[in-house]
C-alpha atoms as a PDB file:
ATOM      1  CA  MET A   1     -56.478 128.072-208.423  1.00  0.00           C
ATOM      2  CA  ASP A   2     -55.510 131.760-207.682  1.00  0.00           C
ATOM      3  CA  PRO A   3     -58.594 133.652-209.361  1.00  0.00           C
ATOM      4  CA  ASN A   4     -56.664 136.740-209.427  1.00  0.00           C
ATOM      5  CA  ALA A   5     -53.843 135.330-211.520  1.00  0.00           C
ATOM      6  CA  VAL A   6     -53.382 135.271-215.440  1.00  0.00           C
ATOM      7  CA  ASN A   7     -55.120 132.050-215.958  1.00  0.00           C
ATOM      8  CA  THR A   8     -56.115 130.397-219.298  1.00  0.00           C
ATOM      9  CA  ASN A   9     -57.977 127.326-220.350  1.00  0.00           C
ATOM     10  CA  VAL A  10     -56.034 125.234-222.825  1.00  0.00           C
ATOM     11  CA  THR A  11     -58.318 123.636-225.394  1.00  0.00           C
ATOM     12  CA  ILE A  12     -57.105 119.953-226.220  1.00  0.00           C
ATOM     13  CA  ASP A  13     -59.059 118.778-229.432  1.00  0.00           C
ATOM     14  CA  ASP A  14     -59.673 115.044-229.768  1.00  0.00           C
ATOM     15  CA  PHE A  15     -57.159 114.738-232.342  1.00  0.00           C
ATOM     16  CA  ASP A  16     -54.350 116.313-230.319  1.00  0.00           C
ATOM     17  CA  SER A  17     -51.175 114.116-229.465  1.00  0.00           C
ATOM     18  CA  LEU A  18     -51.849 115.007-225.956  1.00  0.00           C
ATOM     19  CA  ILE A  19     -54.550 112.459-225.557  1.00  0.00           C
ATOM     20  CA  THR A  20     -53.409 108.701-225.960  1.00  0.00           C
ATOM     21  CA  TYR A  21     -56.182 106.328-227.010  1.00  0.00           C
ATOM     22  CA  ALA A  22     -55.393 102.780-225.843  1.00  0.00           C
ATOM     23  CA  ASP A  23     -56.695 101.382-229.191  1.00  0.00           C
ATOM     24  CA  GLN A  24     -57.398 103.844-231.859  1.00  0.00           C
ATOM     25  CA  SER A  25     -59.239 101.001-233.953  1.00  0.00           C
ATOM     26  CA  GLN A  26     -62.088 101.245-231.251  1.00  0.00           C
ATOM     27  CA  TRP A  27     -63.054 104.524-232.042  1.00  0.00           C
ATOM     28  CA  THR A  28     -64.520 106.230-235.153  1.00  0.00           C
ATOM     29  CA  THR A  29     -64.032 109.823-236.588  1.00  0.00           C
ATOM     30  CA  PRO A  30     -65.429 112.112-238.936  1.00  0.00           C
ATOM     31  CA  ASP A  31     -63.517 111.821-242.708  1.00  0.00           C
ATOM     32  CA  THR A  32     -62.186 115.516-243.080  1.00  0.00           C
ATOM     33  CA  PHE A  33     -61.883 114.865-246.843  1.00  0.00           C
ATOM     34  CA  SER A  34     -65.685 114.242-247.265  1.00  0.00           C
ATOM     35  CA  ALA A  35     -67.764 116.992-249.271  1.00  0.00           C
ATOM     36  CA  ASP A  36     -69.860 117.541-245.919  1.00  0.00           C
ATOM     37  CA  TYR A  37     -67.042 118.089-243.626  1.00  0.00           C
ATOM     38  CA  ASN A  38     -66.927 121.596-242.129  1.00  0.00           C
ATOM     39  CA  PRO A  39     -63.955 122.611-239.752  1.00  0.00           C
ATOM     40  CA  ASP A  40     -66.346 125.440-238.564  1.00  0.00           C
ATOM     41  CA  SER A  41     -68.782 123.471-237.395  1.00  0.00           C
ATOM     42  CA  LYS A  42     -70.798 124.843-234.519  1.00  0.00           C
ATOM     43  CA  GLU A  43     -71.402 121.323-233.465  1.00  0.00           C
ATOM     44  CA  TRP A  44     -68.025 120.130-232.825  1.00  0.00           C
ATOM     45  CA  LEU A  45     -64.827 121.761-232.152  1.00  0.00           C
ATOM     46  CA  ARG A  46     -63.093 121.774-235.489  1.00  0.00           C
ATOM     47  CA  GLY A  47     -65.551 119.495-236.885  1.00  0.00           C
ATOM     48  CA  THR A  48     -63.988 116.465-235.282  1.00  0.00           C
ATOM     49  CA  TYR A  49     -65.013 114.154-232.632  1.00  0.00           C
ATOM     50  CA  HIS A  50     -64.071 110.407-231.324  1.00  0.00           C
ATOM     51  CA  LEU A  51     -66.983 108.022-230.953  1.00  0.00           C
ATOM     52  CA  THR A  52     -66.917 104.541-229.551  1.00  0.00           C
ATOM     53  CA  GLU A  53     -69.367 101.725-228.756  1.00  0.00           C
ATOM     54  CA  VAL A  54     -66.871  99.520-227.620  1.00  0.00           C
ATOM     55  CA  VAL A  55     -67.233  98.654-223.994  1.00  0.00           C
ATOM     56  CA  GLY A  56     -63.776  99.041-222.149  1.00  0.00           C
ATOM     57  CA  ALA A  57     -62.494 101.751-224.890  1.00  0.00           C
ATOM     58  CA  GLU A  58     -60.336 104.311-222.766  1.00  0.00           C
ATOM     59  CA  LEU A  59     -58.130 107.260-223.355  1.00  0.00           C
ATOM     60  CA  ASP A  60     -55.366 108.946-221.053  1.00  0.00           C
ATOM     61  CA  LEU A  61     -54.266 112.608-220.672  1.00  0.00           C
ATOM     62  CA  ASN A  62     -51.589 113.824-218.402  1.00  0.00           C
ATOM     63  CA  PHE A  63     -52.122 117.355-217.267  1.00  0.00           C
ATOM     64  CA  THR A  64     -50.715 119.813-214.796  1.00  0.00           C
ATOM     65  CA  GLY A  65     -53.407 122.367-213.225  1.00  0.00           C
ATOM     66  CA  PRO A  66     -56.155 123.030-210.863  1.00  0.00           C
ATOM     67  CA  ALA A  67     -58.987 122.251-213.165  1.00  0.00           C
ATOM     68  CA  ILE A  68     -60.328 119.924-216.075  1.00  0.00           C
ATOM     69  CA  TYR A  69     -63.486 119.830-218.074  1.00  0.00           C
ATOM     70  CA  ILE A  70     -64.291 117.176-220.526  1.00  0.00           C
ATOM     71  CA  TYR A  71     -66.908 117.849-223.447  1.00  0.00           C
ATOM     72  CA  GLY A  72     -68.872 115.396-225.630  1.00  0.00           C
ATOM     73  CA  HIS A  73     -72.353 114.511-226.376  1.00  0.00           C
ATOM     74  CA  SER A  74     -75.440 113.200-224.639  1.00  0.00           C
ATOM     75  CA  GLY A  75     -78.509 111.427-225.997  1.00  0.00           C
ATOM     76  CA  PRO A  76     -80.385 108.118-226.398  1.00  0.00           C
ATOM     77  CA  SER A  77     -77.554 106.189-227.741  1.00  0.00           C
ATOM     78  CA  TYR A  78     -74.852 106.911-225.036  1.00  0.00           C
ATOM     79  CA  GLY A  79     -74.358 105.045-221.831  1.00  0.00           C
ATOM     80  CA  SER A  80     -72.177 105.187-218.656  1.00  0.00           C
ATOM     81  CA  TYR A  81     -68.577 106.195-218.530  1.00  0.00           C
ATOM     82  CA  SER A  82     -65.816 106.477-215.933  1.00  0.00           C
ATOM     83  CA  ILE A  83     -63.474 109.258-215.007  1.00  0.00           C
ATOM     84  CA  ASP A  84     -60.305 108.251-212.958  1.00  0.00           C
ATOM     85  CA  ILE A  85     -58.015 111.268-212.058  1.00  0.00           C
ATOM     86  CA  ASP A  86     -55.055 110.016-209.733  1.00  0.00           C
ATOM     87  CA  GLY A  87     -56.697 106.826-208.889  1.00  0.00           C
ATOM     88  CA  ILE A  88     -59.809 108.081-207.884  1.00  0.00           C
ATOM     89  CA  SER A  89     -62.956 107.077-210.050  1.00  0.00           C
ATOM     90  CA  THR A  90     -66.209 108.621-210.663  1.00  0.00           C
ATOM     91  CA  THR A  91     -68.788 107.116-212.885  1.00  0.00           C
ATOM     92  CA  LYS A  92     -71.556 109.088-215.011  1.00  0.00           C
ATOM     93  CA  SER A  93     -73.772 108.659-217.577  1.00  0.00           C
ATOM     94  CA  ALA A  94     -74.300 110.442-221.060  1.00  0.00           C
ATOM     95  CA  TYR A  95     -77.796 109.138-221.428  1.00  0.00           C
ATOM     96  CA  ALA A  96     -80.691 111.358-222.282  1.00  0.00           C
ATOM     97  CA  ALA A  97     -84.246 110.654-223.834  1.00  0.00           C
ATOM     98  CA  GLN A  98     -83.314 113.031-226.767  1.00  0.00           C
ATOM     99  CA  ASN A  99     -80.142 114.366-228.081  1.00  0.00           C
ATOM    100  CA  VAL A 100     -78.938 117.522-226.296  1.00  0.00           C
ATOM    101  CA  SER A 101     -77.237 120.540-227.557  1.00  0.00           C
ATOM    102  CA  THR A 102     -73.526 120.535-227.917  1.00  0.00           C
ATOM    103  CA  PRO A 103     -70.672 120.910-226.569  1.00  0.00           C
ATOM    104  CA  TYR A 104     -72.039 118.655-223.571  1.00  0.00           C
ATOM    105  CA  LEU A 105     -70.059 118.830-220.416  1.00  0.00           C
ATOM    106  CA  LEU A 106     -69.486 115.406-219.490  1.00  0.00           C
ATOM    107  CA  TYR A 107     -67.324 116.019-216.477  1.00  0.00           C
ATOM    108  CA  GLU A 108     -65.671 119.020-214.384  1.00  0.00           C
ATOM    109  CA  ALA A 109     -63.407 118.762-211.714  1.00  0.00           C
ATOM    110  CA  SER A 110     -62.310 122.583-210.735  1.00  0.00           C
ATOM    111  CA  ASN A 111     -60.755 122.135-207.423  1.00  0.00           C
ATOM    112  CA  LEU A 112     -57.743 120.119-208.040  1.00  0.00           C
ATOM    113  CA  ALA A 113     -54.452 120.640-206.261  1.00  0.00           C
ATOM    114  CA  TYR A 114     -52.183 122.515-208.594  1.00  0.00           C
ATOM    115  CA  ALA A 115     -49.988 119.358-209.610  1.00  0.00           C
ATOM    116  CA  LYS A 116     -49.420 116.909-212.305  1.00  0.00           C
ATOM    117  CA  HIS A 117     -52.365 114.747-212.624  1.00  0.00           C
ATOM    118  CA  THR A 118     -53.347 111.504-214.772  1.00  0.00           C
ATOM    119  CA  LEU A 119     -56.627 111.217-216.149  1.00  0.00           C
ATOM    120  CA  ARG A 120     -58.389 108.310-217.662  1.00  0.00           C
ATOM    121  CA  LEU A 121     -61.745 108.242-219.492  1.00  0.00           C
ATOM    122  CA  LYS A 122     -63.377 104.824-220.080  1.00  0.00           C
ATOM    123  CA  ASN A 123     -66.480 103.893-221.772  1.00  0.00           C
ATOM    124  CA  LEU A 124     -68.706 101.360-219.672  1.00  0.00           C
ATOM    125  CA  GLY A 125     -71.602 101.442-222.134  1.00  0.00           C
ATOM    126  CA  LYS A 126     -75.172 100.054-221.039  1.00  0.00           C
ATOM    127  CA  GLN A 127     -75.388  99.410-217.237  1.00  0.00           C
ATOM    128  CA  ASP A 128     -77.933  97.137-215.533  1.00  0.00           C
ATOM    129  CA  GLN A 129     -81.391  98.014-216.771  1.00  0.00           C
ATOM    130  CA  ASP A 130     -80.531 101.188-218.291  1.00  0.00           C
ATOM    131  CA  GLN A 131     -82.533 102.160-221.558  1.00  0.00           C
ATOM    132  CA  SER A 132     -79.108 103.756-222.921  1.00  0.00           C
ATOM    133  CA  GLY A 133     -76.855 102.528-225.622  1.00  0.00           C
ATOM    134  CA  ASN A 134     -73.330 101.828-225.444  1.00  0.00           C
ATOM    135  CA  GLY A 135     -71.929 104.936-226.983  1.00  0.00           C
ATOM    136  CA  LEU A 136     -69.322 107.418-225.776  1.00  0.00           C
ATOM    137  CA  LEU A 137     -68.256 110.675-227.658  1.00  0.00           C
ATOM    138  CA  LEU A 138     -65.401 112.858-226.697  1.00  0.00           C
ATOM    139  CA  ASP A 139     -65.275 116.254-228.597  1.00  0.00           C
ATOM    140  CA  PHE A 140     -62.422 118.292-226.532  1.00  0.00           C
ATOM    141  CA  ILE A 141     -60.937 118.761-223.068  1.00  0.00           C
ATOM    142  CA  ARG A 142     -60.037 122.086-221.412  1.00  0.00           C
ATOM    143  CA  SER A 143     -57.474 122.312-218.764  1.00  0.00           C
ATOM    144  CA  THR A 144     -56.795 125.326-216.473  1.00  0.00           C
ATOM    145  CA  VAL A 145     -53.253 126.718-216.137  1.00  0.00           C
ATOM    146  CA  GLN A 146     -51.642 129.896-214.764  1.00  0.00           C
ATOM    147  CA  LEU A 147     -49.647 131.751-216.921  1.00  0.00           C
ATOM    148  CA  ALA A 148     -48.502 134.610-214.734  1.00  0.00           C
ATOM    149  CA  PRO A 149     -49.002 136.168-211.182  1.00  0.00           C
ATOM    150  CA  GLU A 150     -51.640 138.659-210.447  1.00  0.00           C
ATOM    151  CA  GLY A 151     -50.885 142.133-212.018  1.00  0.00           C
ATOM    152  CA  ALA A 152     -48.736 140.609-214.843  1.00  0.00           C
ATOM    153  CA  THR A 153     -49.575 140.735-218.501  1.00  0.00           C
ATOM    154  CA  VAL A 154     -48.571 138.028-221.182  1.00  0.00           C
ATOM    155  CA  GLU A 155     -48.063 138.021-224.871  1.00  0.00           C
ATOM    156  CA  ASN A 156     -48.004 135.036-227.061  1.00  0.00           C
ATOM    157  CA  LYS A 157     -45.069 134.898-229.602  1.00  0.00           C
ATOM    158  CA  THR A 158     -45.103 132.816-232.703  1.00  0.00           C
ATOM    159  CA  ILE A 159     -41.887 131.230-233.916  1.00  0.00           C
ATOM    160  CA  GLU A 160     -42.254 129.847-237.349  1.00  0.00           C
ATOM    161  CA  GLU A 161     -40.196 126.683-238.277  1.00  0.00           C
ATOM    162  CA  THR A 162     -37.592 128.503-240.327  1.00  0.00           C
ATOM    163  CA  ASP A 163     -36.707 130.801-237.495  1.00  0.00           C
ATOM    164  CA  PRO A 164     -32.948 130.698-236.849  1.00  0.00           C
ATOM    165  CA  SER A 165     -33.367 130.008-233.202  1.00  0.00           C
ATOM    166  CA  ILE A 166     -34.559 126.547-234.094  1.00  0.00           C
ATOM    167  CA  THR A 167     -31.451 124.042-234.388  1.00  0.00           C
ATOM    168  CA  TYR A 168     -32.266 120.939-236.575  1.00  0.00           C
ATOM    169  CA  THR A 169     -30.346 117.703-236.904  1.00  0.00           C
ATOM    170  CA  GLY A 170     -30.791 115.227-239.543  1.00  0.00           C
ATOM    171  CA  GLU A 171     -32.608 115.527-242.700  1.00  0.00           C
ATOM    172  CA  TRP A 172     -35.610 117.974-242.763  1.00  0.00           C
ATOM    173  CA  GLY A 173     -37.678 119.015-246.026  1.00  0.00           C
ATOM    174  CA  HIS A 174     -39.967 122.054-246.179  1.00  0.00           C
ATOM    175  CA  ASN A 175     -43.235 122.604-247.688  1.00  0.00           C
ATOM    176  CA  GLN A 176     -44.016 126.190-248.919  1.00  0.00           C
ATOM    177  CA  SER A 177     -47.684 126.745-248.783  1.00  0.00           C
ATOM    178  CA  GLY A 178     -49.897 129.369-247.401  1.00  0.00           C
ATOM    179  CA  ASN A 179     -51.976 126.209-245.797  1.00  0.00           C
ATOM    180  CA  PHE A 180     -49.552 126.611-242.859  1.00  0.00           C
ATOM    181  CA  SER A 181     -48.863 129.339-240.309  1.00  0.00           C
ATOM    182  CA  GLY A 182     -46.238 131.597-241.763  1.00  0.00           C
ATOM    183  CA  GLY A 183     -46.507 130.042-245.114  1.00  0.00           C
ATOM    184  CA  GLY A 184     -44.711 126.585-244.587  1.00  0.00           C
ATOM    185  CA  SER A 185     -43.812 123.675-242.504  1.00  0.00           C
ATOM    186  CA  THR A 186     -40.821 121.356-242.220  1.00  0.00           C
ATOM    187  CA  TYR A 187     -40.786 117.573-242.054  1.00  0.00           C
ATOM    188  CA  THR A 188     -38.665 114.680-241.480  1.00  0.00           C
ATOM    189  CA  ASN A 189     -38.872 110.833-241.522  1.00  0.00           C
ATOM    190  CA  GLY A 190     -35.240 110.530-240.328  1.00  0.00           C
ATOM    191  CA  ASP A 191     -34.234 108.312-237.587  1.00  0.00           C
ATOM    192  CA  GLY A 192     -33.272 110.456-234.613  1.00  0.00           C
ATOM    193  CA  ALA A 193     -33.685 113.562-236.618  1.00  0.00           C
ATOM    194  CA  SER A 194     -34.522 116.265-234.110  1.00  0.00           C
ATOM    195  CA  PHE A 195     -35.002 119.931-233.352  1.00  0.00           C
ATOM    196  CA  SER A 196     -34.100 122.165-230.259  1.00  0.00           C
ATOM    197  CA  LEU A 197     -35.024 125.503-229.200  1.00  0.00           C
ATOM    198  CA  THR A 198     -33.781 127.526-226.189  1.00  0.00           C
ATOM    199  CA  PHE A 199     -36.316 130.126-224.990  1.00  0.00           C
ATOM    200  CA  GLN A 200     -37.712 132.207-222.078  1.00  0.00           C
ATOM    201  CA  ALA A 201     -41.452 131.777-221.342  1.00  0.00           C
ATOM    202  CA  SER A 202     -43.887 130.604-218.759  1.00  0.00           C
ATOM    203  CA  ALA A 203     -45.658 128.088-221.382  1.00  0.00           C
ATOM    204  CA  ILE A 204     -44.836 126.625-224.762  1.00  0.00           C
ATOM    205  CA  TYR A 205     -46.991 125.091-227.161  1.00  0.00           C
ATOM    206  CA  VAL A 206     -45.573 123.053-230.434  1.00  0.00           C
ATOM    207  CA  PHE A 207     -47.835 122.857-233.181  1.00  0.00           C
ATOM    208  CA  GLY A 208     -47.957 120.580-236.307  1.00  0.00           C
ATOM    209  CA  ASP A 209     -50.061 118.634-238.440  1.00  0.00           C
ATOM    210  CA  LYS A 210     -51.558 114.792-238.175  1.00  0.00           C
ATOM    211  CA  LYS A 211     -51.690 112.044-240.667  1.00  0.00           C
ATOM    212  CA  ASN A 212     -51.484 108.421-240.646  1.00  0.00           C
ATOM    213  CA  ASP A 213     -48.015 108.098-242.118  1.00  0.00           C
ATOM    214  CA  HIS A 214     -46.779 109.944-238.909  1.00  0.00           C
ATOM    215  CA  GLY A 215     -45.665 108.027-235.705  1.00  0.00           C
ATOM    216  CA  LEU A 216     -43.822 108.516-232.560  1.00  0.00           C
ATOM    217  CA  TYR A 217     -41.765 111.165-231.471  1.00  0.00           C
ATOM    218  CA  SER A 218     -40.142 112.125-228.158  1.00  0.00           C
ATOM    219  CA  VAL A 219     -39.763 115.376-226.235  1.00  0.00           C
ATOM    220  CA  SER A 220     -37.342 116.338-223.483  1.00  0.00           C
ATOM    221  CA  LEU A 221     -37.582 119.822-221.452  1.00  0.00           C
ATOM    222  CA  ASP A 222     -34.584 120.995-219.659  1.00  0.00           C
ATOM    223  CA  ASN A 223     -32.757 117.792-220.259  1.00  0.00           C
ATOM    224  CA  GLY A 224     -35.553 116.003-218.142  1.00  0.00           C
ATOM    225  CA  SER A 225     -36.855 112.502-218.878  1.00  0.00           C
ATOM    226  CA  ALA A 226     -38.037 112.101-222.558  1.00  0.00           C
ATOM    227  CA  GLU A 227     -41.917 111.977-222.997  1.00  0.00           C
ATOM    228  CA  ILE A 228     -43.135 109.855-225.925  1.00  0.00           C
ATOM    229  CA  TYR A 229     -46.182 111.010-228.016  1.00  0.00           C
ATOM    230  CA  ASN A 230     -47.976 109.760-231.090  1.00  0.00           C
ATOM    231  CA  GLY A 231     -48.506 111.949-234.023  1.00  0.00           C
ATOM    232  CA  VAL A 232     -50.496 109.397-236.063  1.00  0.00           C
ATOM    233  CA  SER A 233     -54.157 110.898-237.212  1.00  0.00           C
ATOM    234  CA  GLY A 234     -56.240 108.263-235.421  1.00  0.00           C
ATOM    235  CA  CYS A 235     -58.697 108.153-238.083  1.00  0.00           C
ATOM    236  CA  GLY A 236     -60.433 104.825-239.525  1.00  0.00           C
ATOM    237  CA  GLY A 237     -61.542 103.512-242.708  1.00  0.00           C
ATOM    238  CA  GLY A 238     -60.457 104.068-246.134  1.00  0.00           C
ATOM    239  CA  PHE A 239     -59.896 107.916-245.606  1.00  0.00           C
ATOM    240  CA  GLY A 240     -57.447 107.428-242.659  1.00  0.00           C
ATOM    241  CA  PHE A 241     -54.472 108.142-244.847  1.00  0.00           C
ATOM    242  CA  THR A 242     -55.682 111.695-245.610  1.00  0.00           C
ATOM    243  CA  CYS A 243     -57.564 112.469-242.469  1.00  0.00           C
ATOM    244  CA  GLU A 244     -56.995 115.624-240.267  1.00  0.00           C
ATOM    245  CA  GLN A 245     -55.019 117.665-242.879  1.00  0.00           C
ATOM    246  CA  GLN A 246     -56.662 120.730-241.571  1.00  0.00           C
ATOM    247  CA  LEU A 247     -56.274 123.033-238.318  1.00  0.00           C
ATOM    248  CA  PRO A 248     -53.089 123.240-236.278  1.00  0.00           C
ATOM    249  CA  SER A 249     -52.707 120.265-233.613  1.00  0.00           C
ATOM    250  CA  ILE A 250     -50.981 120.528-230.343  1.00  0.00           C
ATOM    251  CA  LYS A 251     -47.962 118.285-230.484  1.00  0.00           C
ATOM    252  CA  TYR A 252     -46.671 119.132-227.042  1.00  0.00           C
ATOM    253  CA  PHE A 253     -47.658 121.700-224.341  1.00  0.00           C
ATOM    254  CA  ALA A 254     -45.612 122.749-221.062  1.00  0.00           C
ATOM    255  CA  SER A 255     -46.588 125.619-218.694  1.00  0.00           C
ATOM    256  CA  ASN A 256     -45.566 126.930-215.203  1.00  0.00           C
ATOM    257  CA  LEU A 257     -42.275 127.453-216.429  1.00  0.00           C
ATOM    258  CA  ALA A 258     -39.788 129.618-214.324  1.00  0.00           C
ATOM    259  CA  GLN A 259     -37.831 132.812-215.422  1.00  0.00           C
ATOM    260  CA  GLY A 260     -34.425 131.739-217.231  1.00  0.00           C
ATOM    261  CA  ASN A 261     -33.685 130.004-220.172  1.00  0.00           C
ATOM    262  CA  HIS A 262     -35.136 126.594-221.125  1.00  0.00           C
ATOM    263  CA  THR A 263     -34.289 124.039-223.877  1.00  0.00           C
ATOM    264  CA  LEU A 264     -36.719 122.184-225.561  1.00  0.00           C
ATOM    265  CA  THR A 265     -35.696 119.039-227.849  1.00  0.00           C
ATOM    266  CA  LEU A 266     -37.982 116.897-230.072  1.00  0.00           C
ATOM    267  CA  THR A 267     -36.765 113.983-231.663  1.00  0.00           C
ATOM    268  CA  ASN A 268     -38.560 111.546-234.514  1.00  0.00           C
ATOM    269  CA  ILE A 269     -38.980 107.831-233.818  1.00  0.00           C
ATOM    270  CA  PRO A 270     -39.629 106.622-237.406  1.00  0.00           C
ATOM    271  CA  GLY A 271     -39.600 102.857-236.678  1.00  0.00           C
ATOM    272  CA  VAL A 272     -40.131 100.295-239.515  1.00  0.00           C
ATOM    273  CA  ASN A 273     -42.656 102.180-241.055  1.00  0.00           C
ATOM    274  CA  LYS A 274     -40.287 105.457-241.440  1.00  0.00           C
ATOM    275  CA  SER A 275     -42.846 107.625-240.172  1.00  0.00           C
ATOM    276  CA  PHE A 276     -42.869 111.322-240.329  1.00  0.00           C
ATOM    277  CA  PHE A 277     -42.952 114.352-237.926  1.00  0.00           C
ATOM    278  CA  ASP A 278     -44.013 117.737-239.245  1.00  0.00           C
ATOM    279  CA  LEU A 279     -43.505 121.077-237.432  1.00  0.00           C
ATOM    280  CA  ASP A 280     -45.592 124.027-238.069  1.00  0.00           C
ATOM    281  CA  SER A 281     -44.828 126.696-235.485  1.00  0.00           C
ATOM    282  CA  ILE A 282     -43.967 126.855-231.814  1.00  0.00           C
ATOM    283  CA  VAL A 283     -45.908 129.411-229.636  1.00  0.00           C
ATOM    284  CA  LEU A 284     -44.350 131.091-226.410  1.00  0.00           C
ATOM    285  CA  THR A 285     -46.446 132.814-223.773  1.00  0.00           C
ATOM    286  CA  VAL A 286     -44.003 135.583-222.394  1.00  0.00           C
ATOM    287  CA  PRO A 287     -45.427 137.206-219.084  1.00  0.00           C
ATOM    288  CA  SER A 288     -44.155 140.749-218.006  1.00  0.00           C
ATOM    289  CA  LYS A 289     -43.393 139.027-214.549  1.00  0.00           C
ATOM    290  CA  TYR A 290     -42.890 135.265-213.530  1.00  0.00           C
ATOM    291  CA  GLY A 291     -44.487 133.485-210.738  1.00  0.00           C
ATOM    292  CA  PRO A 292     -44.720 129.783-211.252  1.00  0.00           C
ATOM    293  CA  ARG A 293     -46.789 127.810-208.778  1.00  0.00           C
ATOM    294  CA  GLN A 294     -45.230 125.378-206.506  1.00  0.00           C
ATOM    295  CA  LEU A 295     -46.697 122.227-207.491  1.00  0.00           C
ATOM    296  CA  ASN A 296     -48.414 120.123-204.608  1.00  0.00           C
ATOM    297  CA  ALA A 297     -48.310 116.382-204.297  1.00  0.00           C
ATOM    298  CA  SER A 298     -50.836 114.826-206.534  1.00  0.00           C
ATOM    299  CA  THR A 299     -53.403 114.402-203.662  1.00  0.00           C
ATOM    300  CA  LEU A 300     -57.073 114.869-205.481  1.00  0.00           C
ATOM    301  CA  THR A 301     -59.082 117.645-203.692  1.00  0.00           C
ATOM    302  CA  THR A 302     -61.857 117.837-206.599  1.00  0.00           C
ATOM    303  CA  ARG A 303     -65.357 119.082-206.943  1.00  0.00           C
ATOM    304  CA  ALA A 304     -66.980 116.841-209.909  1.00  0.00           C
ATOM    305  CA  ALA A 305     -70.074 118.358-211.421  1.00  0.00           C
ATOM    306  CA  GLN A 306     -72.925 116.507-212.869  1.00  0.00           C
ATOM    307  CA  ALA A 307     -72.904 116.155-216.702  1.00  0.00           C
ATOM    308  CA  SER A 308     -74.726 119.054-218.040  1.00  0.00           C
ATOM    309  CA  PRO A 309     -74.930 120.816-221.425  1.00  0.00           C
ATOM    310  CA  THR A 310     -72.951 124.034-221.944  1.00  0.00           C
ATOM    311  CA  THR A 311     -73.039 127.071-224.194  1.00  0.00           C
ATOM    312  CA  PRO A 312     -72.128 126.600-227.968  1.00  0.00           C
ATOM    313  CA  ASN A 313     -68.673 128.034-227.512  1.00  0.00           C
ATOM    314  CA  GLY A 314     -67.859 125.586-224.762  1.00  0.00           C
ATOM    315  CA  ASN A 315     -67.194 128.135-221.888  1.00  0.00           C
ATOM    316  CA  GLY A 316     -70.570 127.867-220.128  1.00  0.00           C
ATOM    317  CA  SER A 317     -70.186 129.252-216.478  1.00  0.00           C
ATOM    318  CA  HIS A 318     -66.750 127.750-216.482  1.00  0.00           C
ATOM    319  CA  PRO A 319     -63.550 129.786-216.054  1.00  0.00           C
ATOM    320  CA  GLY A 320     -62.551 131.739-219.119  1.00  0.00           C
ATOM    321  CA  THR A 321     -59.261 132.800-220.379  1.00  0.00           C
ATOM    322  CA  SER A 322     -57.381 135.768-219.085  1.00  0.00           C
ATOM    323  CA  ALA A 323     -55.054 135.421-221.961  1.00  0.00           C
ATOM    324  CA  MET A 324     -55.922 134.366-225.657  1.00  0.00           C
ATOM    325  CA  ASN A 325     -55.490 130.718-226.321  1.00  0.00           C
ATOM    326  CA  PRO A 326     -52.852 130.244-229.019  1.00  0.00           C
ATOM    327  CA  ILE A 327     -54.832 127.860-230.800  1.00  0.00           C
ATOM    328  CA  LEU A 328     -57.754 130.172-231.309  1.00  0.00           C
ATOM    329  CA  PHE A 329     -54.990 132.889-232.428  1.00  0.00           C
ATOM    330  CA  MET A 330     -53.682 130.335-235.209  1.00  0.00           C
ATOM    331  CA  ILE A 331     -57.115 129.463-236.357  1.00  0.00           C
ATOM    332  CA  LEU A 332     -58.151 132.930-236.585  1.00  0.00           C
ATOM    333  CA  ALA A 333     -54.933 133.907-238.301  1.00  0.00           C
ATOM    334  CA  VAL A 334     -54.824 131.145-240.812  1.00  0.00           C
ATOM    335  CA  VAL A 335     -56.739 129.582-243.488  1.00  0.00           C
ATOM    336  CA  TRP A 336     -55.940 125.986-243.709  1.00  0.00           C
ATOM    337  CA  VAL A 337     -56.761 124.190-247.244  1.00  0.00           C
ATOM    338  CA  PHE A 338     -54.858 121.203-247.430  1.00  0.00           C
ATOM    339  CA  ASN A 339     -54.656 120.507-251.120  1.00  0.00           C
ATOM    340  CA  GLY A 340     -51.848 118.587-253.070  1.00  0.00           C
ATOM    341  CA  ILE A 341     -48.967 118.742-250.428  1.00  0.00           C
ATOM    342  CA  ARG A 342     -47.092 115.965-248.377  1.00  0.00           C
ATOM    343  CA  LEU A 343     -47.906 116.536-244.776  1.00  0.00           C
END
């Protein structure tokens, strides 16, 4: 990582579609509609987490960049877990005699090659003669990316779903509500319904909501191979249908983009359940000058830290943000009170 460049930590919440859970039924989550739910909780980012006691439960994340940080919890009910990055596996334990402060740094790799990486987090549970339990809790993940070269400045530009630069195909409905960025969102459950945006930026974020009547969608950037994501909320129990009607969720993210025009196309895949996709907004990071990194082969050159607690804001002593994270920008700008609307 170039410490003199304009770098930022992208915060990936446990509900964001960038994370893939092999079997979501193996994980439990808070009920975001319960009376005691607090999205501003200092204990968990956005008041949510994914917790499992199923040995073998796992999740995957694809990311591009030189550093990754995984945050969760540590205490007597937690056991061991493995982190596999590009085929190299490390085993750690979240056990502690007493619950520790949150967020808790479960894993750090801060000297990766600037390349595309695949991460897998797997619950191993109690090992051998451990006094631990079988639990593993994920709160959020942070990935470091470069937005611009040394000496540049960056600006985040928000494009609302009604912006004429977005081209829609198929049938799309519209929600008008102050609950969303810009006062509305657009949604579809049409087979093959899509939207496209041609833009210039070094990074792009697509935001939307998540709910259990949402499903698969594909994203293609610059006519590349389509990537498949899942927009379902991931909540369990009787509250699953309404869960996660709250803060903006990352539906797609790409960075390290070169100067010039880029085109993003997102397509709904409704399947037999006629599942929905909802678009809230798109955020572009526009630098004063471009300097994309040359991606290395995905050879792992990593320094993995021992699990440890960190400061309440999750930054600890780890790389901070040189540019404002669009997620934080949107959270500060919008009050999300989901009541009586279809998401």
